[in-house]
Amino acid sequence: MSYLVASLLIMGVVTYLPRVLPLLLFRRKIQSRWLRSFLHYMPYVVLTSLTIPAVFFATDLWYAAALGCVVAVILAWRKCSLYVSALAAAATVWLVEFISKIVGA
């Protein structure tokens, strides 16, 4: 068996197992309130842990990213759409970087 075929098989198994194991292990309803709460919030935690580093490493200026995050959170809190929040955050980051280049910071 070649290295490529073995690699593809291993990647397939590693990808398939996390999808099948919960179905095999939890056939009945989960009774624990703590475990249900934990599993309920898991997608939000994973999404946040993937998004926050991407936001802060997308720009060279950490304070531009932080200000963009603050703007996005405030607009989301005020029930603005995702489109408006994302555009305002991106515009804020661009504006802070533009001003920073002009000032020379």
C-alpha atoms as a PDB file:
ATOM      1  CA  MET A   1       0.000   0.000   0.000  1.00  0.00           C
ATOM      2  CA  SER A   2       1.416   3.322  -0.976  1.00  0.00           C
ATOM      3  CA  TYR A   3       1.950   6.201   1.389  1.00  0.00           C
ATOM      4  CA  LEU A   4      -0.775   8.234  -0.332  1.00  0.00           C
ATOM      5  CA  VAL A   5      -3.416   5.519   0.010  1.00  0.00           C
ATOM      6  CA  ALA A   6      -2.506   4.911   3.654  1.00  0.00           C
ATOM      7  CA  SER A   7      -2.680   8.638   4.361  1.00  0.00           C
ATOM      8  CA  LEU A   8      -6.087   8.924   2.713  1.00  0.00           C
ATOM      9  CA  LEU A   9      -7.432   5.950   4.678  1.00  0.00           C
ATOM     10  CA  ILE A  10      -6.161   7.334   7.980  1.00  0.00           C
ATOM     11  CA  MET A  11      -7.613  10.776   7.229  1.00  0.00           C
ATOM     12  CA  GLY A  12     -10.937   9.178   6.308  1.00  0.00           C
ATOM     13  CA  VAL A  13     -11.087   7.214   9.560  1.00  0.00           C
ATOM     14  CA  VAL A  14     -10.084  10.228  11.650  1.00  0.00           C
ATOM     15  CA  THR A  15     -12.758  12.331   9.929  1.00  0.00           C
ATOM     16  CA  TYR A  16     -15.457   9.656  10.179  1.00  0.00           C
ATOM     17  CA  LEU A  17     -14.956   8.633  13.829  1.00  0.00           C
ATOM     18  CA  PRO A  18     -15.992  11.919  15.479  1.00  0.00           C
ATOM     19  CA  ARG A  19     -19.205  11.830  13.468  1.00  0.00           C
ATOM     20  CA  VAL A  20     -20.112   8.227  14.262  1.00  0.00           C
ATOM     21  CA  LEU A  21     -18.925   7.840  17.866  1.00  0.00           C
ATOM     22  CA  PRO A  22     -21.557  10.132  19.411  1.00  0.00           C
ATOM     23  CA  LEU A  23     -24.290   8.162  17.648  1.00  0.00           C
ATOM     24  CA  LEU A  24     -22.891   4.900  18.954  1.00  0.00           C
ATOM     25  CA  LEU A  25     -22.165   6.091  22.498  1.00  0.00           C
ATOM     26  CA  PHE A  26     -25.322   8.126  23.144  1.00  0.00           C
ATOM     27  CA  ARG A  27     -28.205   6.029  21.854  1.00  0.00           C
ATOM     28  CA  ARG A  28     -30.598   7.210  24.550  1.00  0.00           C
ATOM     29  CA  LYS A  29     -31.407  10.716  25.733  1.00  0.00           C
ATOM     30  CA  ILE A  30     -28.683  12.320  27.840  1.00  0.00           C
ATOM     31  CA  GLN A  31     -30.010  12.752  31.386  1.00  0.00           C
ATOM     32  CA  SER A  32     -27.251  14.898  32.864  1.00  0.00           C
ATOM     33  CA  ARG A  33     -28.183  18.595  32.777  1.00  0.00           C
ATOM     34  CA  TRP A  34     -24.515  19.554  32.973  1.00  0.00           C
ATOM     35  CA  LEU A  35     -23.552  17.401  29.970  1.00  0.00           C
ATOM     36  CA  ARG A  36     -26.527  18.643  27.931  1.00  0.00           C
ATOM     37  CA  SER A  37     -25.589  22.237  28.732  1.00  0.00           C
ATOM     38  CA  PHE A  38     -21.962  21.512  27.834  1.00  0.00           C
ATOM     39  CA  LEU A  39     -22.946  20.003  24.481  1.00  0.00           C
ATOM     40  CA  HIS A  40     -25.405  22.824  23.801  1.00  0.00           C
ATOM     41  CA  TYR A  41     -22.715  25.511  24.054  1.00  0.00           C
ATOM     42  CA  MET A  42     -19.987  23.533  22.263  1.00  0.00           C
ATOM     43  CA  PRO A  43     -20.658  24.945  18.739  1.00  0.00           C
ATOM     44  CA  TYR A  44     -20.448  28.512  20.050  1.00  0.00           C
ATOM     45  CA  VAL A  45     -17.178  27.789  21.838  1.00  0.00           C
ATOM     46  CA  VAL A  46     -15.620  26.169  18.776  1.00  0.00           C
ATOM     47  CA  LEU A  47     -16.748  28.988  16.491  1.00  0.00           C
ATOM     48  CA  THR A  48     -15.392  31.606  18.887  1.00  0.00           C
ATOM     49  CA  SER A  49     -12.074  29.806  19.310  1.00  0.00           C
ATOM     50  CA  LEU A  50     -11.646  29.736  15.539  1.00  0.00           C
ATOM     51  CA  THR A  51     -12.853  33.280  14.870  1.00  0.00           C
ATOM     52  CA  ILE A  52     -11.064  35.348  17.528  1.00  0.00           C
ATOM     53  CA  PRO A  53      -7.487  34.384  16.524  1.00  0.00           C
ATOM     54  CA  ALA A  54      -8.368  34.930  12.859  1.00  0.00           C
ATOM     55  CA  VAL A  55      -9.638  38.414  13.672  1.00  0.00           C
ATOM     56  CA  PHE A  56      -6.531  39.429  15.585  1.00  0.00           C
ATOM     57  CA  PHE A  57      -4.047  37.942  13.106  1.00  0.00           C
ATOM     58  CA  ALA A  58      -5.771  39.429  10.041  1.00  0.00           C
ATOM     59  CA  THR A  59      -4.178  42.810  10.679  1.00  0.00           C
ATOM     60  CA  ASP A  60      -0.802  44.006  11.887  1.00  0.00           C
ATOM     61  CA  LEU A  61      -2.322  46.400  14.409  1.00  0.00           C
ATOM     62  CA  TRP A  62      -3.848  44.648  17.401  1.00  0.00           C
ATOM     63  CA  TYR A  63      -5.703  47.775  18.475  1.00  0.00           C
ATOM     64  CA  ALA A  64      -7.390  48.042  15.070  1.00  0.00           C
ATOM     65  CA  ALA A  65      -8.637  44.473  15.434  1.00  0.00           C
ATOM     66  CA  ALA A  66      -9.748  45.124  19.016  1.00  0.00           C
ATOM     67  CA  LEU A  67     -11.669  48.247  18.020  1.00  0.00           C
ATOM     68  CA  GLY A  68     -13.281  46.374  15.127  1.00  0.00           C
ATOM     69  CA  CYS A  69     -14.374  43.648  17.558  1.00  0.00           C
ATOM     70  CA  VAL A  70     -15.822  46.230  19.927  1.00  0.00           C
ATOM     71  CA  VAL A  71     -17.790  47.846  17.090  1.00  0.00           C
ATOM     72  CA  ALA A  72     -19.098  44.461  15.923  1.00  0.00           C
ATOM     73  CA  VAL A  73     -20.159  43.450  19.440  1.00  0.00           C
ATOM     74  CA  ILE A  74     -21.935  46.763  20.064  1.00  0.00           C
ATOM     75  CA  LEU A  75     -23.810  46.568  16.763  1.00  0.00           C
ATOM     76  CA  ALA A  76     -24.736  42.926  17.341  1.00  0.00           C
ATOM     77  CA  TRP A  77     -25.934  43.812  20.840  1.00  0.00           C
ATOM     78  CA  ARG A  78     -28.152  46.516  19.320  1.00  0.00           C
ATOM     79  CA  LYS A  79     -29.679  43.840  17.025  1.00  0.00           C
ATOM     80  CA  CYS A  80     -28.071  45.021  13.785  1.00  0.00           C
ATOM     81  CA  SER A  81     -27.765  42.432  11.046  1.00  0.00           C
ATOM     82  CA  LEU A  82     -24.647  40.347  10.576  1.00  0.00           C
ATOM     83  CA  TYR A  83     -23.989  42.121   7.294  1.00  0.00           C
ATOM     84  CA  VAL A  84     -24.087  45.569   8.892  1.00  0.00           C
ATOM     85  CA  SER A  85     -21.979  44.459  11.873  1.00  0.00           C
ATOM     86  CA  ALA A  86     -19.316  42.857   9.676  1.00  0.00           C
ATOM     87  CA  LEU A  87     -19.125  45.821   7.306  1.00  0.00           C
ATOM     88  CA  ALA A  88     -18.903  48.322  10.148  1.00  0.00           C
ATOM     89  CA  ALA A  89     -16.181  46.286  11.864  1.00  0.00           C
ATOM     90  CA  ALA A  90     -14.187  45.997   8.632  1.00  0.00           C
ATOM     91  CA  ALA A  91     -14.604  49.723   7.959  1.00  0.00           C
ATOM     92  CA  THR A  92     -13.446  50.494  11.497  1.00  0.00           C
ATOM     93  CA  VAL A  93     -10.319  48.371  11.085  1.00  0.00           C
ATOM     94  CA  TRP A  94      -9.574  49.984   7.731  1.00  0.00           C
ATOM     95  CA  LEU A  95     -10.080  53.487   9.143  1.00  0.00           C
ATOM     96  CA  VAL A  96      -7.846  52.840  12.165  1.00  0.00           C
ATOM     97  CA  GLU A  97      -5.104  51.404   9.933  1.00  0.00           C
ATOM     98  CA  PHE A  98      -5.438  54.330   7.514  1.00  0.00           C
ATOM     99  CA  ILE A  99      -5.178  56.898  10.309  1.00  0.00           C
ATOM    100  CA  SER A 100      -2.285  54.973  11.831  1.00  0.00           C
ATOM    101  CA  LYS A 101      -0.378  55.116   8.525  1.00  0.00           C
ATOM    102  CA  ILE A 102      -1.006  58.842   8.195  1.00  0.00           C
ATOM    103  CA  VAL A 103       0.089  59.552  11.766  1.00  0.00           C
ATOM    104  CA  GLY A 104       3.015  57.171  11.409  1.00  0.00           C
ATOM    105  CA  ALA A 105       2.370  55.063  14.477  1.00  0.00           C
END
